[in-house]
Amino acid sequence: MMAAENKSLTIIIRLTIGRFSVILLAFALLYGERHLKAQSDTSRSMIIQSLLPRDSAERAAIEADLDIVSLGLEIFPAPGSGTFFEEYQKLFGTQSSLRAYASPRVIGRVRLNDHLRFILSSSYIRTGFTEIYDAFALQSGVADSIPLVPAAQIFEEMSITTLPLLIGVQFSPIRSQFTSYVGALAGVALVTAEWQTLTRNFDVTQYFRPETNTDGPGLVPGIRLFTGVDLRFDRFFVSRNVFRGIFIEASYFYLPLSRVFFKEVRTIGRLLPQVPSADDAILNLGGFTISLGVNMQLFRF
């Protein structure tokens, strides 16, 4: 009788322990799932929070892609097209272009909508040329003398300083970390040009070139057509770094300086075998250019 009761008690205890074990296992699984889910949600929340802007100014800048100031250096490989050098070479000079130069440049880019920006651009341009060559002349008192005789050694120096101010628009079809764009600018430039000629005569003392050919300031029109790429740095909003990224831009800059370059030499020059065909000529101070620089983001508050 006692054996049967002990056996029944043992079965009941085993069943109770088994059920308790199942309950503990279920609780452990449920708690573990919730704990893992909570950890996952916490990690996900931290990642999301780190990606979000930390204040309204950052949020506005990310959503609206606001205003930018660009600072760069523009390289002009060989400016000087136009009619000037064609006429200049009639005086026995061999120069055919202005000096290549690098120009500091500042650009303001104000957002109009997702694809358009209003552009204000300025730069400082300084170029010119120097040349030394021998000039030939007609023999004094002999009409149409052939051959010509060496007359003088000529030292030419031209110095040009330009400050253009251009306005226009920039169009970006797709906005991304690599944003390509095209645009056009137009405006005026303040140009100061000075061209001096120094002459050291040989035997033909009557040969004469005027010393000052052109000197003084003036306004000229300017047009720029450009295309470029804007590369934004990763996560610059989080650090609030003022530098937004870099840009590279190619353009054609048309800046025609039209002046009476040859009026003096045509009027008072002596014993010159040939002279330029007109008093005035055009000298293009621009050309194909490459610009490199940095973009700085402006936050609106």
Protein backbone atom coordinates (compact mmCIF):
# COMPACT_ATOMS: atom_id res chain seq x y z
CA MET A 1 0.00 0.00 0.00
CA MET A 2 2.81 2.39 1.00
CA ALA A 3 4.77 1.53 -2.16
CA ALA A 4 1.80 2.50 -4.33
CA GLU A 5 1.36 5.80 -2.53
CA ASN A 6 5.09 6.59 -2.84
CA LYS A 7 4.97 5.80 -6.55
CA SER A 8 1.98 8.13 -7.05
CA LEU A 9 3.69 10.91 -5.12
CA THR A 10 6.82 10.53 -7.22
CA ILE A 11 4.78 10.81 -10.45
CA ILE A 12 3.01 13.93 -9.19
CA ILE A 13 6.33 15.57 -8.21
CA ARG A 14 7.86 14.78 -11.62
CA LEU A 15 4.82 16.19 -13.43
CA THR A 16 4.94 19.32 -11.30
CA ILE A 17 8.64 19.80 -11.96
CA GLY A 18 8.15 19.23 -15.69
CA ARG A 19 5.35 21.79 -15.88
CA PHE A 20 7.40 24.29 -13.90
CA SER A 21 10.35 23.74 -16.24
CA VAL A 22 8.15 24.36 -19.28
CA ILE A 23 6.83 27.55 -17.68
CA LEU A 24 10.37 28.73 -16.89
CA LEU A 25 11.51 27.94 -20.45
CA ALA A 26 8.57 29.83 -21.95
CA PHE A 27 9.23 32.80 -19.67
CA ALA A 28 12.90 32.79 -20.55
CA LEU A 29 12.15 32.68 -24.27
CA LEU A 30 9.57 35.47 -23.98
CA TYR A 31 11.86 37.65 -21.85
CA GLY A 32 14.82 37.01 -24.13
CA GLU A 33 12.83 37.97 -27.21
CA ARG A 34 11.61 41.16 -25.59
CA HIS A 35 15.10 42.00 -24.36
CA LEU A 36 16.64 41.43 -27.78
CA LYS A 37 13.88 43.44 -29.40
CA ALA A 38 14.41 46.27 -26.93
CA GLN A 39 18.14 46.24 -27.62
CA SER A 40 17.51 46.21 -31.38
CA ASP A 41 15.02 49.07 -31.06
CA THR A 42 17.48 51.03 -28.92
CA SER A 43 20.33 50.50 -31.42
CA ARG A 44 18.08 51.38 -34.33
CA SER A 45 16.88 54.49 -32.50
CA MET A 46 20.44 55.56 -31.79
CA ILE A 47 21.39 55.14 -35.46
CA ILE A 48 18.34 57.09 -36.60
CA GLN A 49 18.99 59.84 -34.07
CA SER A 50 22.61 60.13 -35.19
CA LEU A 51 21.51 60.55 -38.78
CA LEU A 52 18.90 63.16 -38.00
CA PRO A 53 19.86 66.85 -37.76
CA ARG A 54 20.35 68.07 -34.22
CA ASP A 55 18.39 71.32 -34.56
CA SER A 56 16.01 73.17 -36.86
CA ALA A 57 18.83 74.97 -38.72
CA GLU A 58 20.45 71.69 -39.72
CA ARG A 59 17.09 70.23 -40.69
CA ALA A 60 16.33 73.23 -42.89
CA ALA A 61 19.74 73.06 -44.53
CA ILE A 62 19.38 69.34 -45.29
CA GLU A 63 15.83 69.59 -46.57
CA ALA A 64 16.27 72.79 -48.55
CA ASP A 65 19.97 72.55 -49.52
CA LEU A 66 20.41 76.23 -48.81
CA ASP A 67 22.81 78.97 -49.78
CA ILE A 68 26.48 78.42 -50.61
CA VAL A 69 29.55 80.62 -50.87
CA SER A 70 32.28 79.19 -53.12
CA LEU A 71 35.94 80.19 -53.00
CA GLY A 72 38.19 78.98 -55.80
CA LEU A 73 41.03 79.51 -58.19
CA GLU A 74 40.34 79.88 -61.90
CA ILE A 75 43.03 78.97 -64.44
CA PHE A 76 43.15 80.69 -67.86
CA PRO A 77 45.58 78.74 -70.06
CA ALA A 78 45.88 81.14 -73.05
CA PRO A 79 43.63 84.22 -73.19
CA GLY A 80 43.97 86.82 -75.89
CA SER A 81 41.84 85.87 -78.89
CA GLY A 82 40.28 88.54 -81.08
CA THR A 83 41.76 90.89 -83.68
CA PHE A 84 44.42 92.62 -81.57
CA PHE A 85 47.35 90.25 -82.10
CA GLU A 86 46.69 89.92 -85.83
CA GLU A 87 47.15 93.68 -86.19
CA TYR A 88 49.96 93.85 -83.63
CA GLN A 89 52.12 91.43 -85.65
CA LYS A 90 52.12 93.92 -88.54
CA LEU A 91 54.53 95.95 -86.40
CA PHE A 92 56.98 92.95 -86.43
CA GLY A 93 56.00 91.66 -83.00
CA THR A 94 55.55 87.90 -82.67
CA GLN A 95 53.35 87.69 -79.56
CA SER A 96 50.02 85.91 -80.14
CA SER A 97 48.42 85.61 -76.68
CA LEU A 98 48.33 87.06 -73.19
CA ARG A 99 50.04 85.39 -70.23
CA ALA A 100 48.27 82.39 -68.73
CA TYR A 101 47.09 83.27 -65.26
CA ALA A 102 45.29 82.00 -62.18
CA SER A 103 42.51 84.19 -60.85
CA PRO A 104 41.01 84.10 -57.32
CA ARG A 105 37.24 83.77 -57.54
CA VAL A 106 34.27 84.12 -55.18
CA ILE A 107 30.76 82.87 -56.01
CA GLY A 108 27.50 83.29 -54.11
CA ARG A 109 24.84 80.65 -54.80
CA VAL A 110 21.33 81.38 -53.46
CA ARG A 111 18.73 78.63 -53.68
CA LEU A 112 15.57 79.47 -55.66
CA ASN A 113 14.07 75.94 -55.72
CA ASP A 114 15.25 72.32 -55.79
CA HIS A 115 16.94 72.75 -59.17
CA LEU A 116 17.72 76.45 -59.63
CA ARG A 117 20.15 78.79 -57.92
CA PHE A 118 20.74 82.51 -58.36
CA ILE A 119 24.47 83.12 -58.94
CA LEU A 120 26.63 86.16 -58.20
CA SER A 121 30.27 85.81 -59.28
CA SER A 122 33.37 87.98 -59.12
CA SER A 123 37.11 87.49 -59.58
CA TYR A 124 40.38 89.37 -59.87
CA ILE A 125 42.23 89.05 -63.17
CA ARG A 126 45.72 90.32 -63.89
CA THR A 127 47.49 89.51 -67.15
CA GLY A 128 49.36 91.05 -70.07
CA PHE A 129 52.55 90.37 -72.02
CA THR A 130 56.10 91.59 -72.57
CA GLU A 131 58.17 91.19 -75.71
CA ILE A 132 61.49 92.38 -77.17
CA TYR A 133 62.02 92.29 -80.93
CA ASP A 134 63.75 94.07 -83.81
CA ALA A 135 61.66 96.31 -86.03
CA PHE A 136 62.39 97.17 -89.65
CA ALA A 137 61.76 100.42 -91.47
CA LEU A 138 61.66 102.09 -94.85
CA GLN A 139 64.88 103.83 -95.82
CA SER A 140 64.59 107.52 -95.18
CA GLY A 141 63.88 109.47 -98.36
CA VAL A 142 63.36 106.34 -100.49
CA ALA A 143 59.79 105.44 -101.39
CA ASP A 144 58.83 101.78 -101.13
CA SER A 145 62.41 100.77 -100.37
CA ILE A 146 63.24 97.08 -100.63
CA PRO A 147 64.82 95.47 -98.73
CA LEU A 148 63.81 96.95 -95.42
CA VAL A 149 66.56 97.94 -93.02
CA PRO A 150 66.78 97.19 -89.28
CA ALA A 151 65.50 100.28 -87.53
CA ALA A 152 65.16 99.75 -83.79
CA GLN A 153 64.90 97.37 -80.92
CA ILE A 154 61.39 97.44 -79.48
CA PHE A 155 60.36 96.62 -75.93
CA GLU A 156 56.59 96.11 -75.55
CA GLU A 157 54.81 95.88 -72.20
CA MET A 158 51.08 95.47 -71.71
CA SER A 159 49.46 95.21 -68.27
CA ILE A 160 45.73 94.51 -67.77
CA THR A 161 43.76 94.34 -64.53
CA THR A 162 40.12 93.25 -64.56
CA LEU A 163 37.40 93.01 -61.92
CA PRO A 164 34.26 91.37 -63.40
CA LEU A 165 30.87 91.25 -61.67
CA LEU A 166 28.46 88.70 -63.18
CA ILE A 167 24.97 87.46 -62.28
CA GLY A 168 23.00 84.49 -63.62
CA VAL A 169 21.43 81.14 -62.84
CA GLN A 170 22.62 77.59 -62.20
CA PHE A 171 20.53 74.51 -63.02
CA SER A 172 21.03 71.13 -61.30
CA PRO A 173 18.84 68.39 -62.83
CA ILE A 174 19.54 65.85 -60.04
CA ARG A 175 20.55 66.60 -56.46
CA SER A 176 22.83 64.08 -54.79
CA GLN A 177 26.19 63.92 -53.08
CA PHE A 178 27.71 64.34 -56.55
CA THR A 179 25.61 67.14 -58.06
CA SER A 180 26.31 68.19 -61.64
CA TYR A 181 25.11 71.54 -62.92
CA VAL A 182 25.13 73.96 -65.87
CA GLY A 183 24.59 77.69 -65.95
CA ALA A 184 25.11 81.08 -67.54
CA LEU A 185 26.29 84.45 -66.24
CA ALA A 186 26.36 87.95 -67.69
CA GLY A 187 27.52 91.33 -66.45
CA VAL A 188 30.24 93.95 -66.72
CA ALA A 189 33.91 94.24 -65.80
CA LEU A 190 36.05 97.17 -64.80
CA VAL A 191 39.21 96.93 -66.91
CA THR A 192 42.39 98.96 -66.58
CA ALA A 193 44.76 98.48 -69.51
CA GLU A 194 48.18 100.02 -70.14
CA TRP A 195 50.34 99.39 -73.21
CA GLN A 196 53.75 101.05 -73.41
CA THR A 197 56.40 100.85 -76.16
CA LEU A 198 60.05 101.70 -75.61
CA THR A 199 62.20 102.17 -78.72
CA ARG A 200 66.01 102.02 -79.07
CA ASN A 201 66.87 103.27 -82.54
CA PHE A 202 69.69 101.92 -84.69
CA ASP A 203 71.01 103.96 -87.64
CA VAL A 204 67.63 105.02 -88.99
CA THR A 205 67.03 107.81 -86.49
CA GLN A 206 63.83 108.98 -88.14
CA TYR A 207 62.05 105.73 -87.23
CA PHE A 208 59.49 106.49 -84.55
CA ARG A 209 56.93 104.63 -82.45
CA PRO A 210 54.78 106.40 -79.84
CA GLU A 211 55.50 105.43 -76.23
CA THR A 212 51.92 105.23 -74.92
CA ASN A 213 49.46 103.25 -77.02
CA THR A 214 46.59 102.93 -74.52
CA ASP A 215 46.17 103.76 -70.85
CA GLY A 216 43.22 104.03 -68.51
CA PRO A 217 40.11 102.29 -67.13
CA GLY A 218 36.88 101.31 -68.81
CA LEU A 219 33.83 99.02 -68.60
CA VAL A 220 33.42 95.99 -70.83
CA PRO A 221 30.65 93.36 -71.04
CA GLY A 222 31.24 89.79 -69.93
CA ILE A 223 29.50 86.44 -70.52
CA ARG A 224 30.26 83.08 -68.92
CA LEU A 225 28.83 79.65 -69.82
CA PHE A 226 29.78 76.93 -67.37
CA THR A 227 29.27 73.35 -66.23
CA GLY A 228 30.59 71.67 -63.11
CA VAL A 229 30.31 69.09 -60.33
CA ASP A 230 29.66 69.78 -56.65
CA LEU A 231 30.94 67.06 -54.27
CA ARG A 232 29.56 67.28 -50.73
CA PHE A 233 31.51 65.89 -47.77
CA ASP A 234 29.97 63.03 -45.76
CA ARG A 235 28.00 64.03 -42.65
CA PHE A 236 29.20 67.63 -42.55
CA PHE A 237 25.93 68.69 -40.91
CA VAL A 238 26.60 66.67 -37.73
CA SER A 239 29.92 68.41 -37.07
CA ARG A 240 28.55 71.77 -38.22
CA ASN A 241 31.69 72.18 -40.31
CA VAL A 242 31.42 75.33 -42.40
CA PHE A 243 33.06 73.59 -45.37
CA ARG A 244 30.32 71.81 -47.31
CA GLY A 245 32.47 70.22 -50.01
CA ILE A 246 34.50 70.93 -53.14
CA PHE A 247 33.67 71.85 -56.72
CA ILE A 248 35.30 71.66 -60.14
CA GLU A 249 33.99 73.77 -62.99
CA ALA A 250 34.77 74.26 -66.68
CA SER A 251 33.59 77.35 -68.50
CA TYR A 252 33.99 79.63 -71.48
CA PHE A 253 34.46 83.24 -70.40
CA TYR A 254 33.99 85.93 -73.05
CA LEU A 255 35.37 89.29 -71.93
CA PRO A 256 36.11 91.41 -75.04
CA LEU A 257 38.22 94.52 -74.47
CA SER A 258 37.61 96.88 -77.41
CA ARG A 259 39.89 99.93 -77.61
CA VAL A 260 41.68 102.23 -80.03
CA PHE A 261 44.94 100.36 -79.45
CA PHE A 262 46.59 101.51 -82.69
CA LYS A 263 45.42 105.10 -83.09
CA GLU A 264 48.69 106.63 -81.89
CA VAL A 265 50.97 104.42 -83.97
CA ARG A 266 48.83 104.97 -87.08
CA THR A 267 48.73 108.72 -86.53
CA ILE A 268 52.26 109.71 -85.52
CA GLY A 269 54.44 106.66 -86.31
CA ARG A 270 57.21 107.29 -88.89
CA LEU A 271 58.92 105.05 -91.46
CA LEU A 272 56.75 102.05 -90.59
CA PRO A 273 56.49 99.66 -93.58
CA GLN A 274 52.96 98.73 -92.59
CA VAL A 275 50.54 99.70 -89.86
CA PRO A 276 47.41 98.05 -88.43
CA SER A 277 44.40 98.41 -90.69
CA ALA A 278 42.22 100.20 -88.08
CA ASP A 279 42.61 102.27 -84.94
CA ASP A 280 40.56 99.92 -82.81
CA ALA A 281 40.81 96.18 -82.12
CA ILE A 282 39.29 93.55 -79.82
CA LEU A 283 41.29 91.65 -77.20
CA ASN A 284 39.43 88.83 -75.45
CA LEU A 285 40.62 88.61 -71.84
CA GLY A 286 38.82 85.34 -71.21
CA GLY A 287 38.74 81.96 -72.90
CA PHE A 288 38.29 78.35 -71.78
CA THR A 289 38.92 78.03 -68.06
CA ILE A 290 39.02 75.50 -65.22
CA SER A 291 37.99 76.43 -61.66
CA LEU A 292 38.72 74.47 -58.46
CA GLY A 293 37.60 75.39 -54.98
CA VAL A 294 35.60 74.77 -51.82
CA ASN A 295 31.93 75.33 -50.97
CA MET A 296 30.82 76.76 -47.64
CA GLN A 297 27.25 76.18 -46.43
CA LEU A 298 25.27 79.08 -44.99
CA PHE A 299 22.62 78.14 -42.41
CA ARG A 300 19.48 80.23 -42.14
CA PHE A 301 18.07 80.81 -38.67
